N, C-alpha and C. Protein backbone atom coordinates (compact mmCIF):
# COMPACT_ATOMS: atom_id res chain seq x y z
N MET A 1 -18.72 2.57 -15.52
CA MET A 1 -17.98 1.43 -16.04
C MET A 1 -16.67 1.27 -15.28
N CYS A 2 -16.19 0.05 -15.17
CA CYS A 2 -14.86 -0.21 -14.61
C CYS A 2 -14.23 -1.32 -15.44
N GLY A 3 -13.34 -0.95 -16.34
CA GLY A 3 -12.75 -1.93 -17.24
C GLY A 3 -11.36 -2.37 -16.85
N ARG A 4 -10.70 -1.59 -16.01
CA ARG A 4 -9.39 -1.96 -15.50
C ARG A 4 -9.21 -1.33 -14.12
N TYR A 5 -8.39 -1.96 -13.31
CA TYR A 5 -8.06 -1.37 -12.02
C TYR A 5 -6.68 -1.82 -11.58
N GLU A 6 -6.23 -1.28 -10.48
CA GLU A 6 -4.88 -1.52 -9.97
C GLU A 6 -4.97 -2.11 -8.57
N LEU A 7 -4.18 -3.16 -8.32
CA LEU A 7 -4.10 -3.73 -6.97
C LEU A 7 -2.65 -4.10 -6.68
N ASN A 8 -1.95 -3.17 -6.08
CA ASN A 8 -0.54 -3.37 -5.75
C ASN A 8 -0.37 -3.72 -4.28
N GLU A 9 -0.98 -4.82 -3.87
CA GLU A 9 -0.94 -5.23 -2.47
C GLU A 9 -0.56 -6.71 -2.36
N THR A 10 0.01 -7.07 -1.23
CA THR A 10 0.34 -8.47 -0.94
C THR A 10 -0.84 -9.12 -0.22
N PRO A 11 -0.89 -10.46 -0.18
CA PRO A 11 -1.93 -11.13 0.60
C PRO A 11 -1.95 -10.67 2.06
N ALA A 12 -0.79 -10.48 2.65
CA ALA A 12 -0.73 -10.05 4.05
C ALA A 12 -1.35 -8.67 4.23
N ASN A 13 -1.09 -7.76 3.29
CA ASN A 13 -1.66 -6.42 3.38
C ASN A 13 -3.18 -6.45 3.29
N LEU A 14 -3.69 -7.27 2.36
CA LEU A 14 -5.14 -7.37 2.22
C LEU A 14 -5.76 -8.00 3.46
N GLY A 15 -5.11 -9.03 3.98
CA GLY A 15 -5.61 -9.67 5.19
C GLY A 15 -5.73 -8.70 6.35
N SER A 16 -4.71 -7.87 6.51
CA SER A 16 -4.72 -6.87 7.59
C SER A 16 -5.82 -5.84 7.35
N ARG A 17 -5.98 -5.41 6.12
CA ARG A 17 -6.96 -4.37 5.80
C ARG A 17 -8.39 -4.84 6.06
N TYR A 18 -8.68 -6.10 5.73
CA TYR A 18 -10.05 -6.60 5.84
C TYR A 18 -10.25 -7.59 7.00
N ARG A 19 -9.28 -7.63 7.92
CA ARG A 19 -9.38 -8.46 9.12
C ARG A 19 -9.58 -9.94 8.77
N ILE A 20 -8.70 -10.45 7.91
CA ILE A 20 -8.78 -11.84 7.45
C ILE A 20 -7.40 -12.46 7.53
N GLU A 21 -7.33 -13.71 7.94
CA GLU A 21 -6.08 -14.45 7.88
C GLU A 21 -5.93 -15.01 6.47
N PRO A 22 -4.94 -14.53 5.68
CA PRO A 22 -4.86 -14.93 4.27
C PRO A 22 -4.43 -16.37 4.04
N GLY A 23 -3.83 -17.01 5.07
CA GLY A 23 -3.43 -18.40 4.93
C GLY A 23 -2.39 -18.58 3.83
N ASN A 24 -2.61 -19.55 2.95
CA ASN A 24 -1.66 -19.84 1.88
C ASN A 24 -1.99 -19.13 0.57
N LEU A 25 -2.89 -18.19 0.62
CA LEU A 25 -3.28 -17.47 -0.59
C LEU A 25 -2.06 -16.77 -1.20
N ASP A 26 -1.94 -16.87 -2.52
CA ASP A 26 -0.78 -16.30 -3.19
C ASP A 26 -1.22 -15.56 -4.45
N PHE A 27 -0.83 -14.31 -4.57
CA PHE A 27 -1.06 -13.54 -5.80
C PHE A 27 -0.03 -12.42 -5.83
N ALA A 28 0.25 -11.93 -7.02
CA ALA A 28 1.26 -10.89 -7.18
C ALA A 28 0.59 -9.54 -7.35
N PRO A 29 1.23 -8.46 -6.87
CA PRO A 29 0.70 -7.12 -7.14
C PRO A 29 0.54 -6.91 -8.64
N ASN A 30 -0.51 -6.16 -9.02
CA ASN A 30 -0.81 -5.99 -10.44
C ASN A 30 -1.26 -4.54 -10.66
N ALA A 31 -0.47 -3.81 -11.43
CA ALA A 31 -0.79 -2.41 -11.69
C ALA A 31 -1.80 -2.23 -12.82
N ASP A 32 -2.20 -3.33 -13.46
CA ASP A 32 -3.13 -3.23 -14.58
C ASP A 32 -4.01 -4.49 -14.62
N VAL A 33 -4.98 -4.56 -13.72
CA VAL A 33 -5.89 -5.70 -13.65
C VAL A 33 -6.92 -5.58 -14.77
N ARG A 34 -7.08 -6.67 -15.54
CA ARG A 34 -7.98 -6.64 -16.69
C ARG A 34 -9.02 -7.76 -16.58
N PRO A 35 -10.16 -7.61 -17.28
CA PRO A 35 -11.17 -8.68 -17.30
C PRO A 35 -10.57 -9.99 -17.79
N THR A 36 -11.13 -11.07 -17.29
CA THR A 36 -10.76 -12.49 -17.55
C THR A 36 -9.58 -12.94 -16.71
N THR A 37 -8.90 -12.02 -16.00
CA THR A 37 -7.81 -12.43 -15.13
C THR A 37 -8.36 -12.88 -13.78
N THR A 38 -7.53 -13.58 -13.02
CA THR A 38 -7.93 -14.10 -11.70
C THR A 38 -7.35 -13.20 -10.62
N ASN A 39 -8.23 -12.74 -9.70
CA ASN A 39 -7.83 -11.73 -8.74
C ASN A 39 -8.50 -11.97 -7.38
N PRO A 40 -7.96 -11.39 -6.30
CA PRO A 40 -8.55 -11.59 -4.97
C PRO A 40 -9.80 -10.75 -4.74
N VAL A 41 -10.80 -11.35 -4.13
CA VAL A 41 -11.99 -10.62 -3.68
C VAL A 41 -12.27 -11.03 -2.24
N VAL A 42 -12.97 -10.17 -1.54
CA VAL A 42 -13.34 -10.42 -0.14
C VAL A 42 -14.81 -10.82 -0.11
N LEU A 43 -15.10 -11.94 0.56
CA LEU A 43 -16.47 -12.45 0.59
C LEU A 43 -16.71 -13.24 1.87
N ILE A 44 -17.96 -13.60 2.07
CA ILE A 44 -18.31 -14.47 3.19
C ILE A 44 -18.79 -15.80 2.64
N ARG A 45 -18.15 -16.87 3.05
CA ARG A 45 -18.56 -18.22 2.67
C ARG A 45 -18.52 -19.11 3.90
N ASP A 46 -19.58 -19.90 4.09
CA ASP A 46 -19.72 -20.74 5.29
C ASP A 46 -19.61 -19.90 6.56
N ASP A 47 -20.19 -18.68 6.49
CA ASP A 47 -20.24 -17.76 7.63
C ASP A 47 -18.87 -17.25 8.05
N VAL A 48 -17.88 -17.36 7.18
CA VAL A 48 -16.52 -16.90 7.50
C VAL A 48 -16.07 -15.90 6.43
N ARG A 49 -15.53 -14.78 6.86
CA ARG A 49 -14.99 -13.81 5.90
C ARG A 49 -13.68 -14.35 5.34
N ARG A 50 -13.56 -14.29 4.02
CA ARG A 50 -12.40 -14.87 3.35
C ARG A 50 -11.91 -13.97 2.23
N ILE A 51 -10.65 -14.18 1.86
CA ILE A 51 -10.12 -13.64 0.60
C ILE A 51 -9.97 -14.83 -0.34
N GLU A 52 -10.62 -14.77 -1.50
CA GLU A 52 -10.54 -15.87 -2.45
C GLU A 52 -10.20 -15.33 -3.83
N LEU A 53 -9.54 -16.16 -4.62
CA LEU A 53 -9.22 -15.79 -5.99
C LEU A 53 -10.38 -16.15 -6.90
N ARG A 54 -10.80 -15.19 -7.70
CA ARG A 54 -11.92 -15.37 -8.62
C ARG A 54 -11.57 -14.76 -9.98
N ARG A 55 -12.21 -15.28 -11.02
CA ARG A 55 -12.00 -14.75 -12.37
C ARG A 55 -12.93 -13.58 -12.61
N TRP A 56 -12.38 -12.51 -13.18
CA TRP A 56 -13.17 -11.32 -13.46
C TRP A 56 -13.97 -11.52 -14.74
N GLY A 57 -15.27 -11.73 -14.58
CA GLY A 57 -16.17 -12.01 -15.69
C GLY A 57 -17.24 -12.97 -15.20
N PHE A 58 -18.43 -12.49 -14.95
CA PHE A 58 -19.46 -13.19 -14.19
C PHE A 58 -20.07 -14.37 -14.95
N VAL A 59 -20.13 -15.52 -14.27
CA VAL A 59 -20.76 -16.73 -14.83
C VAL A 59 -21.79 -17.24 -13.83
N PRO A 60 -23.08 -17.08 -14.09
CA PRO A 60 -24.11 -17.58 -13.16
C PRO A 60 -24.02 -19.08 -12.98
N SER A 61 -24.42 -19.55 -11.82
CA SER A 61 -24.32 -20.98 -11.50
C SER A 61 -25.23 -21.84 -12.37
N TRP A 62 -26.29 -21.24 -12.93
CA TRP A 62 -27.30 -22.03 -13.63
C TRP A 62 -27.09 -22.16 -15.13
N VAL A 63 -26.08 -21.49 -15.70
CA VAL A 63 -25.90 -21.57 -17.15
C VAL A 63 -25.35 -22.95 -17.54
N LYS A 64 -25.74 -23.42 -18.71
CA LYS A 64 -25.27 -24.72 -19.16
C LYS A 64 -23.88 -24.65 -19.78
N ASP A 65 -23.62 -23.56 -20.54
CA ASP A 65 -22.34 -23.42 -21.22
C ASP A 65 -21.83 -21.99 -21.06
N PRO A 66 -20.82 -21.77 -20.21
CA PRO A 66 -20.29 -20.42 -20.00
C PRO A 66 -19.76 -19.77 -21.27
N LYS A 67 -19.35 -20.59 -22.24
CA LYS A 67 -18.80 -20.04 -23.48
C LYS A 67 -19.91 -19.52 -24.41
N ALA A 68 -21.15 -19.90 -24.13
CA ALA A 68 -22.25 -19.51 -24.99
C ALA A 68 -22.90 -18.20 -24.56
N ILE A 69 -22.43 -17.61 -23.46
CA ILE A 69 -22.99 -16.36 -22.96
C ILE A 69 -21.87 -15.34 -22.77
N SER A 70 -22.26 -14.09 -22.65
CA SER A 70 -21.28 -13.07 -22.27
C SER A 70 -20.96 -13.25 -20.79
N ASN A 71 -19.76 -12.93 -20.41
CA ASN A 71 -19.33 -13.00 -19.01
C ASN A 71 -19.03 -11.57 -18.55
N PRO A 72 -20.07 -10.81 -18.19
CA PRO A 72 -19.90 -9.38 -17.94
C PRO A 72 -18.95 -9.08 -16.78
N PHE A 73 -18.09 -8.12 -17.02
CA PHE A 73 -17.17 -7.70 -15.94
C PHE A 73 -17.76 -6.56 -15.13
N ASN A 74 -18.86 -5.97 -15.61
CA ASN A 74 -19.60 -4.96 -14.86
C ASN A 74 -21.07 -5.34 -14.80
N ALA A 75 -21.75 -4.89 -13.73
CA ALA A 75 -23.18 -5.08 -13.60
C ALA A 75 -23.79 -3.75 -13.17
N VAL A 76 -24.87 -3.35 -13.80
CA VAL A 76 -25.55 -2.09 -13.48
C VAL A 76 -26.29 -2.25 -12.16
N SER A 77 -25.90 -1.49 -11.16
CA SER A 77 -26.46 -1.69 -9.82
C SER A 77 -27.95 -1.36 -9.74
N GLU A 78 -28.42 -0.47 -10.60
CA GLU A 78 -29.83 -0.09 -10.57
C GLU A 78 -30.73 -1.26 -11.01
N THR A 79 -30.22 -2.13 -11.87
CA THR A 79 -31.04 -3.24 -12.40
C THR A 79 -30.61 -4.61 -11.90
N ALA A 80 -29.40 -4.73 -11.38
CA ALA A 80 -28.88 -6.04 -10.96
C ALA A 80 -29.77 -6.75 -9.94
N PRO A 81 -30.38 -6.05 -8.97
CA PRO A 81 -31.21 -6.76 -7.98
C PRO A 81 -32.43 -7.46 -8.58
N ASP A 82 -32.85 -7.03 -9.78
CA ASP A 82 -34.05 -7.58 -10.39
C ASP A 82 -33.77 -8.40 -11.66
N LYS A 83 -32.61 -8.24 -12.22
CA LYS A 83 -32.27 -8.93 -13.46
C LYS A 83 -31.92 -10.39 -13.15
N PRO A 84 -32.56 -11.37 -13.81
CA PRO A 84 -32.30 -12.78 -13.49
C PRO A 84 -30.82 -13.16 -13.51
N PHE A 85 -30.05 -12.54 -14.40
CA PHE A 85 -28.64 -12.87 -14.52
C PHE A 85 -27.87 -12.62 -13.22
N PHE A 86 -28.24 -11.57 -12.48
CA PHE A 86 -27.50 -11.16 -11.27
C PHE A 86 -28.33 -11.24 -9.99
N ARG A 87 -29.62 -11.46 -10.10
CA ARG A 87 -30.54 -11.27 -8.98
C ARG A 87 -30.15 -12.06 -7.73
N THR A 88 -29.88 -13.35 -7.88
CA THR A 88 -29.56 -14.17 -6.70
C THR A 88 -28.24 -13.74 -6.08
N ALA A 89 -27.26 -13.45 -6.90
CA ALA A 89 -25.95 -13.03 -6.39
C ALA A 89 -26.06 -11.71 -5.65
N PHE A 90 -26.91 -10.79 -6.14
CA PHE A 90 -27.05 -9.51 -5.45
C PHE A 90 -27.63 -9.72 -4.06
N ARG A 91 -28.51 -10.68 -3.92
CA ARG A 91 -29.12 -10.92 -2.61
C ARG A 91 -28.23 -11.73 -1.68
N LYS A 92 -27.46 -12.67 -2.23
CA LYS A 92 -26.76 -13.65 -1.38
C LYS A 92 -25.24 -13.69 -1.52
N ARG A 93 -24.70 -13.10 -2.58
CA ARG A 93 -23.27 -13.26 -2.82
C ARG A 93 -22.62 -11.94 -3.22
N ARG A 94 -22.74 -10.96 -2.33
CA ARG A 94 -22.05 -9.70 -2.55
C ARG A 94 -20.59 -9.84 -2.09
N CYS A 95 -19.70 -9.11 -2.71
CA CYS A 95 -18.29 -9.18 -2.34
C CYS A 95 -17.66 -7.80 -2.43
N ILE A 96 -16.45 -7.71 -1.94
CA ILE A 96 -15.63 -6.50 -2.07
C ILE A 96 -14.48 -6.81 -3.02
N VAL A 97 -14.28 -5.92 -3.97
CA VAL A 97 -13.14 -6.03 -4.89
C VAL A 97 -12.13 -4.97 -4.47
N PRO A 98 -11.03 -5.35 -3.84
CA PRO A 98 -10.05 -4.36 -3.38
C PRO A 98 -9.29 -3.75 -4.56
N ALA A 99 -9.03 -2.46 -4.49
CA ALA A 99 -8.30 -1.79 -5.56
C ALA A 99 -7.58 -0.57 -5.01
N ASN A 100 -6.35 -0.36 -5.47
CA ASN A 100 -5.65 0.88 -5.14
C ASN A 100 -6.19 2.04 -5.97
N ALA A 101 -6.68 1.70 -7.17
CA ALA A 101 -7.22 2.72 -8.07
C ALA A 101 -7.99 2.01 -9.18
N PHE A 102 -8.83 2.76 -9.87
CA PHE A 102 -9.44 2.24 -11.09
C PHE A 102 -9.18 3.24 -12.21
N PHE A 103 -9.34 2.79 -13.44
CA PHE A 103 -9.00 3.61 -14.60
C PHE A 103 -10.21 3.85 -15.50
N GLU A 104 -10.26 5.04 -16.07
CA GLU A 104 -11.22 5.36 -17.11
C GLU A 104 -10.48 6.10 -18.22
N TRP A 105 -11.15 6.19 -19.37
CA TRP A 105 -10.55 6.87 -20.51
C TRP A 105 -11.42 8.08 -20.86
N LYS A 106 -10.81 9.25 -20.78
CA LYS A 106 -11.51 10.52 -20.96
C LYS A 106 -11.23 11.07 -22.35
N VAL A 107 -12.29 11.52 -23.02
CA VAL A 107 -12.13 12.14 -24.33
C VAL A 107 -11.36 13.46 -24.17
N VAL A 108 -10.29 13.60 -24.96
CA VAL A 108 -9.50 14.83 -24.92
C VAL A 108 -10.14 15.87 -25.82
N SER A 109 -10.45 17.02 -25.25
CA SER A 109 -11.15 18.07 -26.00
C SER A 109 -10.39 18.45 -27.26
N GLY A 110 -11.10 18.45 -28.39
CA GLY A 110 -10.51 18.86 -29.66
C GLY A 110 -9.66 17.80 -30.33
N GLU A 111 -9.59 16.60 -29.72
CA GLU A 111 -8.77 15.53 -30.29
C GLU A 111 -9.60 14.25 -30.42
N LYS A 112 -9.12 13.33 -31.24
CA LYS A 112 -9.82 12.07 -31.43
C LYS A 112 -9.42 11.01 -30.40
N ARG A 113 -8.33 11.25 -29.69
CA ARG A 113 -7.83 10.26 -28.76
C ARG A 113 -8.49 10.39 -27.38
N LYS A 114 -8.30 9.35 -26.56
CA LYS A 114 -8.75 9.38 -25.18
C LYS A 114 -7.55 9.25 -24.25
N ALA A 115 -7.60 9.93 -23.13
CA ALA A 115 -6.51 9.90 -22.15
C ALA A 115 -6.89 8.99 -20.99
N LYS A 116 -5.95 8.18 -20.55
CA LYS A 116 -6.16 7.29 -19.42
C LYS A 116 -6.13 8.09 -18.12
N VAL A 117 -7.14 7.89 -17.29
CA VAL A 117 -7.26 8.63 -16.03
C VAL A 117 -7.25 7.64 -14.87
N ARG A 118 -6.46 7.93 -13.87
CA ARG A 118 -6.36 7.08 -12.68
C ARG A 118 -7.16 7.71 -11.55
N ILE A 119 -8.06 6.95 -10.96
CA ILE A 119 -8.89 7.45 -9.86
C ILE A 119 -8.62 6.62 -8.61
N ALA A 120 -8.22 7.25 -7.53
CA ALA A 120 -7.88 6.57 -6.28
C ALA A 120 -8.59 7.26 -5.12
N ARG A 121 -8.45 6.69 -3.94
CA ARG A 121 -8.98 7.36 -2.76
C ARG A 121 -8.12 8.57 -2.43
N ALA A 122 -8.75 9.65 -2.04
CA ALA A 122 -8.03 10.88 -1.73
C ALA A 122 -7.09 10.70 -0.54
N ASP A 123 -7.45 9.79 0.39
CA ASP A 123 -6.61 9.58 1.56
C ASP A 123 -5.54 8.51 1.36
N GLY A 124 -5.47 7.93 0.16
CA GLY A 124 -4.45 6.94 -0.14
C GLY A 124 -4.76 5.52 0.30
N GLU A 125 -5.89 5.32 0.96
CA GLU A 125 -6.26 3.97 1.41
C GLU A 125 -6.85 3.16 0.25
N LEU A 126 -7.04 1.87 0.49
CA LEU A 126 -7.62 1.00 -0.53
C LEU A 126 -9.08 1.33 -0.80
N LEU A 127 -9.44 1.29 -2.06
CA LEU A 127 -10.85 1.35 -2.44
C LEU A 127 -11.48 -0.01 -2.23
N SER A 128 -12.71 -0.04 -1.75
CA SER A 128 -13.49 -1.27 -1.63
C SER A 128 -14.63 -1.19 -2.63
N LEU A 129 -14.43 -1.78 -3.80
CA LEU A 129 -15.45 -1.72 -4.85
C LEU A 129 -16.51 -2.78 -4.59
N GLY A 130 -17.76 -2.41 -4.79
CA GLY A 130 -18.85 -3.35 -4.58
C GLY A 130 -18.95 -4.33 -5.74
N GLY A 131 -19.00 -5.62 -5.43
CA GLY A 131 -19.08 -6.63 -6.47
C GLY A 131 -20.03 -7.77 -6.12
N LEU A 132 -20.21 -8.66 -7.06
CA LEU A 132 -20.99 -9.88 -6.89
C LEU A 132 -20.11 -11.05 -7.28
N HIS A 133 -20.22 -12.16 -6.55
CA HIS A 133 -19.43 -13.34 -6.91
C HIS A 133 -20.34 -14.52 -7.15
N GLU A 134 -19.83 -15.49 -7.88
CA GLU A 134 -20.62 -16.66 -8.25
C GLU A 134 -19.71 -17.87 -8.42
N TYR A 135 -20.32 -19.06 -8.34
CA TYR A 135 -19.57 -20.31 -8.51
C TYR A 135 -20.34 -21.22 -9.45
N TRP A 136 -19.70 -21.60 -10.55
CA TRP A 136 -20.30 -22.48 -11.55
C TRP A 136 -19.54 -23.80 -11.58
N GLN A 137 -20.27 -24.90 -11.65
CA GLN A 137 -19.61 -26.21 -11.72
C GLN A 137 -20.43 -27.15 -12.59
N GLN A 138 -19.72 -27.92 -13.40
CA GLN A 138 -20.34 -28.95 -14.22
C GLN A 138 -19.33 -30.08 -14.38
N GLY A 139 -19.62 -31.22 -13.73
CA GLY A 139 -18.65 -32.31 -13.72
C GLY A 139 -17.39 -31.87 -13.01
N ASP A 140 -16.25 -32.05 -13.67
CA ASP A 140 -14.98 -31.64 -13.05
C ASP A 140 -14.55 -30.24 -13.48
N GLN A 141 -15.44 -29.52 -14.17
CA GLN A 141 -15.16 -28.15 -14.56
C GLN A 141 -15.78 -27.20 -13.55
N GLU A 142 -15.05 -26.16 -13.19
CA GLU A 142 -15.58 -25.17 -12.25
C GLU A 142 -15.02 -23.80 -12.58
N ILE A 143 -15.84 -22.79 -12.33
CA ILE A 143 -15.44 -21.40 -12.54
C ILE A 143 -15.93 -20.58 -11.35
N ALA A 144 -15.02 -19.98 -10.63
CA ALA A 144 -15.36 -19.04 -9.56
C ALA A 144 -15.13 -17.64 -10.12
N SER A 145 -16.18 -16.83 -10.16
CA SER A 145 -16.09 -15.56 -10.89
C SER A 145 -16.65 -14.40 -10.07
N TYR A 146 -16.45 -13.19 -10.61
CA TYR A 146 -17.01 -11.99 -9.98
C TYR A 146 -17.25 -10.92 -11.03
N THR A 147 -18.05 -9.94 -10.66
CA THR A 147 -18.27 -8.75 -11.47
C THR A 147 -18.28 -7.54 -10.55
N ILE A 148 -18.00 -6.37 -11.12
CA ILE A 148 -17.99 -5.12 -10.35
C ILE A 148 -19.26 -4.33 -10.67
N LEU A 149 -19.96 -3.90 -9.64
CA LEU A 149 -21.17 -3.10 -9.81
C LEU A 149 -20.82 -1.66 -10.17
N THR A 150 -21.64 -1.07 -11.03
CA THR A 150 -21.45 0.33 -11.39
C THR A 150 -22.71 1.13 -11.02
N THR A 151 -22.53 2.44 -10.94
CA THR A 151 -23.62 3.34 -10.58
C THR A 151 -23.48 4.64 -11.35
N GLN A 152 -24.39 5.56 -11.12
CA GLN A 152 -24.31 6.88 -11.73
C GLN A 152 -23.05 7.59 -11.22
N PRO A 153 -22.45 8.46 -12.01
CA PRO A 153 -21.24 9.14 -11.56
C PRO A 153 -21.53 10.23 -10.54
N ASN A 154 -20.61 10.44 -9.62
CA ASN A 154 -20.72 11.62 -8.76
C ASN A 154 -20.23 12.84 -9.54
N GLU A 155 -20.23 13.99 -8.93
CA GLU A 155 -19.87 15.22 -9.64
C GLU A 155 -18.46 15.16 -10.22
N LEU A 156 -17.54 14.59 -9.48
CA LEU A 156 -16.15 14.48 -9.94
C LEU A 156 -16.05 13.58 -11.16
N MET A 157 -16.70 12.41 -11.10
CA MET A 157 -16.59 11.42 -12.16
C MET A 157 -17.40 11.79 -13.40
N ALA A 158 -18.41 12.63 -13.26
CA ALA A 158 -19.28 12.98 -14.38
C ALA A 158 -18.51 13.64 -15.52
N ALA A 159 -17.40 14.29 -15.19
CA ALA A 159 -16.59 14.94 -16.22
C ALA A 159 -15.72 13.93 -16.98
N ILE A 160 -15.70 12.68 -16.48
CA ILE A 160 -14.83 11.66 -17.07
C ILE A 160 -15.62 10.58 -17.78
N HIS A 161 -16.72 10.10 -17.15
CA HIS A 161 -17.47 8.97 -17.68
C HIS A 161 -18.91 9.04 -17.20
N THR A 162 -19.79 8.33 -17.90
CA THR A 162 -21.21 8.31 -17.54
C THR A 162 -21.53 7.31 -16.44
N ARG A 163 -20.56 6.45 -16.08
CA ARG A 163 -20.73 5.47 -15.01
C ARG A 163 -19.48 5.47 -14.14
N MET A 164 -19.61 4.91 -12.94
CA MET A 164 -18.46 4.72 -12.06
C MET A 164 -18.69 3.47 -11.23
N PRO A 165 -17.62 2.87 -10.70
CA PRO A 165 -17.81 1.71 -9.82
C PRO A 165 -18.52 2.10 -8.54
N VAL A 166 -19.27 1.17 -7.98
CA VAL A 166 -19.82 1.34 -6.64
C VAL A 166 -18.66 1.28 -5.65
N VAL A 167 -18.53 2.30 -4.82
CA VAL A 167 -17.48 2.33 -3.79
C VAL A 167 -18.15 2.18 -2.43
N ILE A 168 -17.80 1.10 -1.73
CA ILE A 168 -18.39 0.84 -0.41
C ILE A 168 -17.55 1.53 0.66
N GLY A 169 -18.20 2.33 1.48
CA GLY A 169 -17.49 3.03 2.55
C GLY A 169 -16.98 2.06 3.60
N ASP A 170 -15.91 2.43 4.29
CA ASP A 170 -15.31 1.56 5.30
C ASP A 170 -16.33 1.12 6.35
N ALA A 171 -17.20 2.03 6.74
CA ALA A 171 -18.19 1.72 7.78
C ALA A 171 -19.30 0.80 7.29
N GLU A 172 -19.39 0.59 5.97
CA GLU A 172 -20.47 -0.22 5.40
C GLU A 172 -20.01 -1.60 4.94
N ILE A 173 -18.73 -1.89 5.05
CA ILE A 173 -18.21 -3.15 4.51
C ILE A 173 -18.87 -4.36 5.16
N ASP A 174 -18.97 -4.36 6.49
CA ASP A 174 -19.58 -5.50 7.18
C ASP A 174 -21.01 -5.72 6.72
N GLU A 175 -21.76 -4.63 6.61
CA GLU A 175 -23.16 -4.74 6.20
C GLU A 175 -23.28 -5.19 4.75
N TRP A 176 -22.40 -4.68 3.89
CA TRP A 176 -22.43 -5.07 2.48
C TRP A 176 -22.20 -6.58 2.32
N LEU A 177 -21.27 -7.13 3.06
CA LEU A 177 -20.93 -8.55 2.92
C LEU A 177 -21.95 -9.47 3.59
N ALA A 178 -22.62 -9.00 4.62
CA ALA A 178 -23.49 -9.87 5.43
C ALA A 178 -24.67 -10.40 4.62
N HIS A 179 -24.92 -11.70 4.73
CA HIS A 179 -26.02 -12.33 4.01
C HIS A 179 -27.39 -11.84 4.49
N GLU A 180 -27.47 -11.43 5.75
CA GLU A 180 -28.76 -11.03 6.31
C GLU A 180 -29.13 -9.57 5.99
N THR A 181 -28.24 -8.84 5.33
CA THR A 181 -28.54 -7.45 4.97
C THR A 181 -29.73 -7.42 4.01
N SER A 182 -30.67 -6.52 4.26
CA SER A 182 -31.87 -6.46 3.44
C SER A 182 -31.55 -5.95 2.03
N LEU A 183 -32.42 -6.29 1.11
CA LEU A 183 -32.25 -5.85 -0.27
C LEU A 183 -32.27 -4.34 -0.37
N ASP A 184 -33.16 -3.68 0.37
CA ASP A 184 -33.23 -2.22 0.34
C ASP A 184 -31.93 -1.59 0.84
N SER A 185 -31.35 -2.18 1.89
CA SER A 185 -30.10 -1.64 2.42
C SER A 185 -28.96 -1.82 1.42
N ALA A 186 -28.90 -2.97 0.78
CA ALA A 186 -27.86 -3.22 -0.22
C ALA A 186 -28.01 -2.27 -1.40
N ARG A 187 -29.24 -2.05 -1.84
CA ARG A 187 -29.48 -1.09 -2.92
C ARG A 187 -28.97 0.30 -2.54
N ALA A 188 -29.25 0.70 -1.31
CA ALA A 188 -28.88 2.04 -0.85
C ALA A 188 -27.38 2.25 -0.84
N MET A 189 -26.61 1.18 -0.64
CA MET A 189 -25.15 1.29 -0.62
C MET A 189 -24.55 1.40 -2.02
N CYS A 190 -25.40 1.30 -3.04
CA CYS A 190 -24.92 1.39 -4.42
C CYS A 190 -25.03 2.79 -5.00
N MET A 191 -25.30 3.76 -4.16
CA MET A 191 -25.32 5.14 -4.61
C MET A 191 -23.89 5.62 -4.87
N PRO A 192 -23.70 6.62 -5.74
CA PRO A 192 -22.35 7.14 -5.98
C PRO A 192 -21.73 7.69 -4.70
N CYS A 193 -20.46 7.40 -4.49
CA CYS A 193 -19.80 7.88 -3.28
C CYS A 193 -19.55 9.39 -3.39
N PRO A 194 -19.36 10.08 -2.26
CA PRO A 194 -19.06 11.52 -2.31
C PRO A 194 -17.81 11.80 -3.13
N SER A 195 -17.82 12.88 -3.89
CA SER A 195 -16.67 13.24 -4.73
C SER A 195 -15.40 13.42 -3.92
N GLU A 196 -15.54 13.91 -2.69
CA GLU A 196 -14.34 14.18 -1.88
C GLU A 196 -13.62 12.91 -1.44
N TRP A 197 -14.24 11.76 -1.60
CA TRP A 197 -13.56 10.51 -1.29
C TRP A 197 -12.46 10.18 -2.30
N LEU A 198 -12.56 10.78 -3.50
CA LEU A 198 -11.71 10.37 -4.62
C LEU A 198 -10.74 11.46 -5.05
N ALA A 199 -9.64 11.03 -5.66
CA ALA A 199 -8.68 11.96 -6.27
C ALA A 199 -8.38 11.45 -7.66
N VAL A 200 -8.28 12.36 -8.62
CA VAL A 200 -8.08 12.01 -10.03
C VAL A 200 -6.69 12.42 -10.46
N ARG A 201 -6.03 11.50 -11.16
CA ARG A 201 -4.70 11.78 -11.72
C ARG A 201 -4.75 11.50 -13.21
N GLU A 202 -4.51 12.51 -14.04
CA GLU A 202 -4.55 12.32 -15.50
C GLU A 202 -3.14 12.12 -16.04
């Protein structure tokens, strides 16, 4: 699961990190990104890599009324390629959700409360979370949205939660975003990342 994350970067920083000219894109650093908020994602549209602002909470293009359905902020990577709700987006509209860290809540042994845990890259670089994006329009109403894919936890994360976000390795970003990437290859990139990639701060 990924219910909150942190993105303390400027448009210029993101542009440099993902080799994109940010243009007039404007957003503020956010230490507590939550579902339903609008945030930057990296995607390919019209054969050009872009950073675009999207709402966190997935709305398929074919639904009649977005308010009549759930708008999931996570998608299970094992079933998303086959589930009608996400199937087309998994094949054609994969994206990267940049994050400095993501958060989970760990049960404190012997207590009823849960402790907030911050998970970041061990080397301090940006995490590239695997996501899906979509565009819904009806008349003059439009919603550009995204969701974050989750997978089984690696050894490090298993002590914290039963799921973790899909983390795309730096060497796989181009392939993840490319429309021509095969379904089998995209599925393979949704495996849990090595534990040594991550560092946990409680």
